[in-house]
Amino acid sequence: MLIREVMTTPAVTVMTQSSTATALWLMRTEQVGSIPVVDDRGALIGIIDETDLVQDEALVADRVLASAGRVAGTTPSRRVGDAMTHHVVTVSPDDQIDVAVDLMQSMMLEQLPVVENDHVVGTVGRGDMTRLLPSPSRFCQFEASCGTARGVDAVRNHH
């Protein structure tokens, strides 16, 4: 199966001049741990992830103030271009899914930008891969028919 068959499109991206606060908001809104960074032509130039944001002292200070009930947004946030990682591991939409799985496992990544002709056309992540798994109800029915779900029933009956 090809990555293009499971990838999420369109990709959520940010530009280098976006604030790290904007990147954080997008990550929370879109429920992703990283966002590809593109130039004004849409070409991939980096990636910003949760680790980059945690290392942004101004952003962290602003969030600490907000959680303490003080006015948030008073501490200037850095720009994405100053906080992003420049080396980006990518896949092509025409790569096999195994390529993405191997990269995510070996590099401990949750998501990869999908790039075609230097432009981000989507992302592929662990969530996309879980759609390939059998539906939980069918899997549980299979386990029950094989007798392998007894341990689960025993735990449930214990409580």
C-alpha atoms as a PDB file:
ATOM      1  CA  MET A   1       0.000   0.000   0.000  1.00  0.00           C
ATOM      2  CA  LEU A   2       1.260   3.469  -0.860  1.00  0.00           C
ATOM      3  CA  ILE A   3       1.574   6.362   1.568  1.00  0.00           C
ATOM      4  CA  ARG A   4      -0.739   8.458  -0.617  1.00  0.00           C
ATOM      5  CA  GLU A   5      -3.538   6.023   0.243  1.00  0.00           C
ATOM      6  CA  VAL A   6      -3.379   6.719   3.995  1.00  0.00           C
ATOM      7  CA  MET A   7      -1.786  10.163   4.371  1.00  0.00           C
ATOM      8  CA  THR A   8      -3.634  13.116   5.838  1.00  0.00           C
ATOM      9  CA  THR A   9      -4.229  15.970   3.418  1.00  0.00           C
ATOM     10  CA  PRO A  10      -3.893  18.842   3.319  1.00  0.00           C
ATOM     11  CA  ALA A  11      -0.948  19.197   5.660  1.00  0.00           C
ATOM     12  CA  VAL A  12      -1.086  21.827   8.374  1.00  0.00           C
ATOM     13  CA  THR A  13       1.999  24.010   7.872  1.00  0.00           C
ATOM     14  CA  VAL A  14       3.518  27.185   9.283  1.00  0.00           C
ATOM     15  CA  MET A  15       5.942  29.715   7.865  1.00  0.00           C
ATOM     16  CA  THR A  16       9.245  30.806   9.396  1.00  0.00           C
ATOM     17  CA  GLN A  17       7.870  34.204  10.395  1.00  0.00           C
ATOM     18  CA  SER A  18       4.961  32.662  12.343  1.00  0.00           C
ATOM     19  CA  SER A  19       5.294  32.864  16.115  1.00  0.00           C
ATOM     20  CA  THR A  20       6.032  29.797  18.194  1.00  0.00           C
ATOM     21  CA  ALA A  21       2.790  30.582  20.049  1.00  0.00           C
ATOM     22  CA  THR A  22       0.935  30.140  16.748  1.00  0.00           C
ATOM     23  CA  ALA A  23       2.719  26.834  16.165  1.00  0.00           C
ATOM     24  CA  LEU A  24       1.709  25.677  19.651  1.00  0.00           C
ATOM     25  CA  TRP A  25      -1.908  26.691  19.038  1.00  0.00           C
ATOM     26  CA  LEU A  26      -1.942  24.771  15.737  1.00  0.00           C
ATOM     27  CA  MET A  27      -0.438  21.674  17.361  1.00  0.00           C
ATOM     28  CA  ARG A  28      -3.112  21.704  20.037  1.00  0.00           C
ATOM     29  CA  THR A  29      -5.942  22.467  17.627  1.00  0.00           C
ATOM     30  CA  GLU A  30      -4.897  19.854  15.078  1.00  0.00           C
ATOM     31  CA  GLN A  31      -3.736  17.373  17.750  1.00  0.00           C
ATOM     32  CA  VAL A  32      -0.313  16.851  16.176  1.00  0.00           C
ATOM     33  CA  GLY A  33       3.152  16.817  17.701  1.00  0.00           C
ATOM     34  CA  SER A  34       4.938  18.512  14.815  1.00  0.00           C
ATOM     35  CA  ILE A  35       4.232  20.877  11.943  1.00  0.00           C
ATOM     36  CA  PRO A  36       6.185  21.221   8.690  1.00  0.00           C
ATOM     37  CA  VAL A  37       7.662  24.677   8.089  1.00  0.00           C
ATOM     38  CA  VAL A  38       7.385  26.008   4.545  1.00  0.00           C
ATOM     39  CA  ASP A  39       8.612  29.051   2.657  1.00  0.00           C
ATOM     40  CA  ASP A  40       6.348  31.460   0.776  1.00  0.00           C
ATOM     41  CA  ARG A  41       6.296  29.067  -2.220  1.00  0.00           C
ATOM     42  CA  GLY A  42       5.168  26.166  -0.027  1.00  0.00           C
ATOM     43  CA  ALA A  43       8.516  24.373  -0.189  1.00  0.00           C
ATOM     44  CA  LEU A  44       9.561  22.445   2.927  1.00  0.00           C
ATOM     45  CA  ILE A  45      12.417  24.101   4.824  1.00  0.00           C
ATOM     46  CA  GLY A  46      12.103  22.654   8.326  1.00  0.00           C
ATOM     47  CA  ILE A  47       9.856  21.240  11.002  1.00  0.00           C
ATOM     48  CA  ILE A  48       8.847  22.449  14.438  1.00  0.00           C
ATOM     49  CA  ASP A  49       7.828  20.006  17.131  1.00  0.00           C
ATOM     50  CA  GLU A  50       6.909  19.913  20.797  1.00  0.00           C
ATOM     51  CA  THR A  51      10.561  19.603  21.827  1.00  0.00           C
ATOM     52  CA  ASP A  52      11.428  22.794  19.946  1.00  0.00           C
ATOM     53  CA  LEU A  53       8.581  24.598  21.710  1.00  0.00           C
ATOM     54  CA  VAL A  54       9.510  23.358  25.178  1.00  0.00           C
ATOM     55  CA  GLN A  55      12.970  24.826  24.581  1.00  0.00           C
ATOM     56  CA  ASP A  56      11.436  28.224  23.724  1.00  0.00           C
ATOM     57  CA  GLU A  57      11.903  29.976  27.085  1.00  0.00           C
ATOM     58  CA  ALA A  58       9.777  32.996  26.131  1.00  0.00           C
ATOM     59  CA  LEU A  59       6.839  30.798  25.135  1.00  0.00           C
ATOM     60  CA  VAL A  60       7.133  28.708  28.302  1.00  0.00           C
ATOM     61  CA  ALA A  61       7.324  31.851  30.474  1.00  0.00           C
ATOM     62  CA  ASP A  62       4.209  33.237  28.789  1.00  0.00           C
ATOM     63  CA  ARG A  63       2.280  30.005  29.415  1.00  0.00           C
ATOM     64  CA  VAL A  64       3.416  29.901  33.063  1.00  0.00           C
ATOM     65  CA  LEU A  65       2.096  33.436  33.538  1.00  0.00           C
ATOM     66  CA  ALA A  66      -1.196  32.444  31.915  1.00  0.00           C
ATOM     67  CA  SER A  67      -1.593  29.399  34.138  1.00  0.00           C
ATOM     68  CA  ALA A  68      -0.945  31.567  37.197  1.00  0.00           C
ATOM     69  CA  GLY A  69      -3.861  33.803  36.228  1.00  0.00           C
ATOM     70  CA  ARG A  70      -1.755  36.630  34.856  1.00  0.00           C
ATOM     71  CA  VAL A  71      -2.159  38.163  31.426  1.00  0.00           C
ATOM     72  CA  ALA A  72      -0.938  35.823  28.709  1.00  0.00           C
ATOM     73  CA  GLY A  73       0.612  37.115  25.545  1.00  0.00           C
ATOM     74  CA  THR A  74       2.773  39.734  27.215  1.00  0.00           C
ATOM     75  CA  THR A  75       6.026  37.856  26.660  1.00  0.00           C
ATOM     76  CA  PRO A  76       7.153  38.059  23.040  1.00  0.00           C
ATOM     77  CA  SER A  77       7.351  34.652  21.423  1.00  0.00           C
ATOM     78  CA  ARG A  78      10.156  33.658  19.129  1.00  0.00           C
ATOM     79  CA  ARG A  79       9.603  33.033  15.465  1.00  0.00           C
ATOM     80  CA  VAL A  80       9.233  29.498  14.138  1.00  0.00           C
ATOM     81  CA  GLY A  81      12.303  30.061  11.953  1.00  0.00           C
ATOM     82  CA  ASP A  82      14.414  30.556  15.095  1.00  0.00           C
ATOM     83  CA  ALA A  83      13.122  27.441  16.863  1.00  0.00           C
ATOM     84  CA  MET A  84      12.602  24.909  14.060  1.00  0.00           C
ATOM     85  CA  THR A  85      14.699  21.886  13.174  1.00  0.00           C
ATOM     86  CA  HIS A  86      16.255  22.249   9.737  1.00  0.00           C
ATOM     87  CA  HIS A  87      16.933  18.576   9.026  1.00  0.00           C
ATOM     88  CA  VAL A  88      13.607  16.947   8.164  1.00  0.00           C
ATOM     89  CA  VAL A  89      12.962  13.271   7.544  1.00  0.00           C
ATOM     90  CA  THR A  90      10.355  12.968   4.787  1.00  0.00           C
ATOM     91  CA  VAL A  91       8.610  10.401   2.647  1.00  0.00           C
ATOM     92  CA  SER A  92       7.116  10.505  -0.831  1.00  0.00           C
ATOM     93  CA  PRO A  93       3.452   9.801  -1.547  1.00  0.00           C
ATOM     94  CA  ASP A  94       4.626   6.954  -3.786  1.00  0.00           C
ATOM     95  CA  ASP A  95       6.678   5.249  -1.041  1.00  0.00           C
ATOM     96  CA  GLN A  96       5.323   2.057   0.471  1.00  0.00           C
ATOM     97  CA  ILE A  97       3.817   2.397   3.950  1.00  0.00           C
ATOM     98  CA  ASP A  98       6.601   0.160   5.278  1.00  0.00           C
ATOM     99  CA  VAL A  99       9.082   2.967   4.539  1.00  0.00           C
ATOM    100  CA  ALA A 100       7.180   5.369   6.810  1.00  0.00           C
ATOM    101  CA  VAL A 101       6.744   2.749   9.534  1.00  0.00           C
ATOM    102  CA  ASP A 102      10.463   1.915   9.511  1.00  0.00           C
ATOM    103  CA  LEU A 103      11.456   5.599   9.645  1.00  0.00           C
ATOM    104  CA  MET A 104       9.015   6.420  12.440  1.00  0.00           C
ATOM    105  CA  GLN A 105      10.188   3.441  14.497  1.00  0.00           C
ATOM    106  CA  SER A 106      13.921   3.870  13.932  1.00  0.00           C
ATOM    107  CA  MET A 107      13.893   7.639  14.481  1.00  0.00           C
ATOM    108  CA  MET A 108      11.175   7.620  17.177  1.00  0.00           C
ATOM    109  CA  LEU A 109       8.898   9.961  15.218  1.00  0.00           C
ATOM    110  CA  GLU A 110       5.126  10.160  15.417  1.00  0.00           C
ATOM    111  CA  GLN A 111       4.566  11.857  12.081  1.00  0.00           C
ATOM    112  CA  LEU A 112       6.376  12.503   8.792  1.00  0.00           C
ATOM    113  CA  PRO A 113       5.824  15.176   6.155  1.00  0.00           C
ATOM    114  CA  VAL A 114       4.902  13.747   2.762  1.00  0.00           C
ATOM    115  CA  VAL A 115       6.793  15.697   0.106  1.00  0.00           C
ATOM    116  CA  GLU A 116       6.394  15.768  -3.658  1.00  0.00           C
ATOM    117  CA  ASN A 117       8.411  18.148  -5.876  1.00  0.00           C
ATOM    118  CA  ASP A 118       9.786  19.886  -2.737  1.00  0.00           C
ATOM    119  CA  HIS A 119       6.256  20.737  -1.541  1.00  0.00           C
ATOM    120  CA  VAL A 120       4.435  19.301   1.456  1.00  0.00           C
ATOM    121  CA  VAL A 121       1.379  17.480   0.122  1.00  0.00           C
ATOM    122  CA  GLY A 122       0.351  15.795   3.363  1.00  0.00           C
ATOM    123  CA  THR A 123       1.525  14.069   6.501  1.00  0.00           C
ATOM    124  CA  VAL A 124       1.551  10.464   7.575  1.00  0.00           C
ATOM    125  CA  GLY A 125       1.575   9.470  11.206  1.00  0.00           C
ATOM    126  CA  ARG A 126       0.772   6.745  13.655  1.00  0.00           C
ATOM    127  CA  GLY A 127      -2.891   7.719  13.625  1.00  0.00           C
ATOM    128  CA  ASP A 128      -3.023   7.179   9.877  1.00  0.00           C
ATOM    129  CA  MET A 129      -1.491   3.747  10.357  1.00  0.00           C
ATOM    130  CA  THR A 130      -4.081   2.711  12.954  1.00  0.00           C
ATOM    131  CA  ARG A 131      -6.785   3.085  10.306  1.00  0.00           C
ATOM    132  CA  LEU A 132      -5.177   0.073   8.619  1.00  0.00           C
ATOM    133  CA  LEU A 133      -5.719  -2.149  11.650  1.00  0.00           C
ATOM    134  CA  PRO A 134      -8.815  -4.336  11.861  1.00  0.00           C
ATOM    135  CA  SER A 135     -11.759  -2.645  13.526  1.00  0.00           C
ATOM    136  CA  PRO A 136     -11.692  -3.259  17.295  1.00  0.00           C
ATOM    137  CA  SER A 137     -15.095  -4.938  17.327  1.00  0.00           C
ATOM    138  CA  ARG A 138     -14.117  -7.417  14.610  1.00  0.00           C
ATOM    139  CA  PHE A 139     -10.792  -8.074  16.345  1.00  0.00           C
ATOM    140  CA  CYS A 140     -12.509  -8.641  19.703  1.00  0.00           C
ATOM    141  CA  GLN A 141     -15.034 -10.986  18.079  1.00  0.00           C
ATOM    142  CA  PHE A 142     -12.136 -12.934  16.579  1.00  0.00           C
ATOM    143  CA  GLU A 143     -10.373 -13.146  19.958  1.00  0.00           C
ATOM    144  CA  ALA A 144     -13.585 -14.258  21.660  1.00  0.00           C
ATOM    145  CA  SER A 145     -14.164 -16.963  19.070  1.00  0.00           C
ATOM    146  CA  CYS A 146     -10.602 -18.210  19.607  1.00  0.00           C
ATOM    147  CA  GLY A 147     -10.937 -18.116  23.381  1.00  0.00           C
ATOM    148  CA  THR A 148      -8.078 -15.615  23.791  1.00  0.00           C
ATOM    149  CA  ALA A 149     -10.259 -12.898  25.332  1.00  0.00           C
ATOM    150  CA  ARG A 150     -10.920 -14.801  28.547  1.00  0.00           C
ATOM    151  CA  GLY A 151      -8.272 -12.866  30.471  1.00  0.00           C
ATOM    152  CA  VAL A 152     -10.035  -9.626  29.621  1.00  0.00           C
ATOM    153  CA  ASP A 153     -13.374 -11.035  30.776  1.00  0.00           C
ATOM    154  CA  ALA A 154     -11.773 -12.267  33.996  1.00  0.00           C
ATOM    155  CA  VAL A 155     -10.379  -8.805  34.737  1.00  0.00           C
ATOM    156  CA  ARG A 156     -13.718  -7.178  33.939  1.00  0.00           C
ATOM    157  CA  ASN A 157     -15.605  -9.632  36.181  1.00  0.00           C
ATOM    158  CA  HIS A 158     -13.122  -9.045  38.999  1.00  0.00           C
ATOM    159  CA  HIS A 159     -14.058  -5.367  39.360  1.00  0.00           C
END
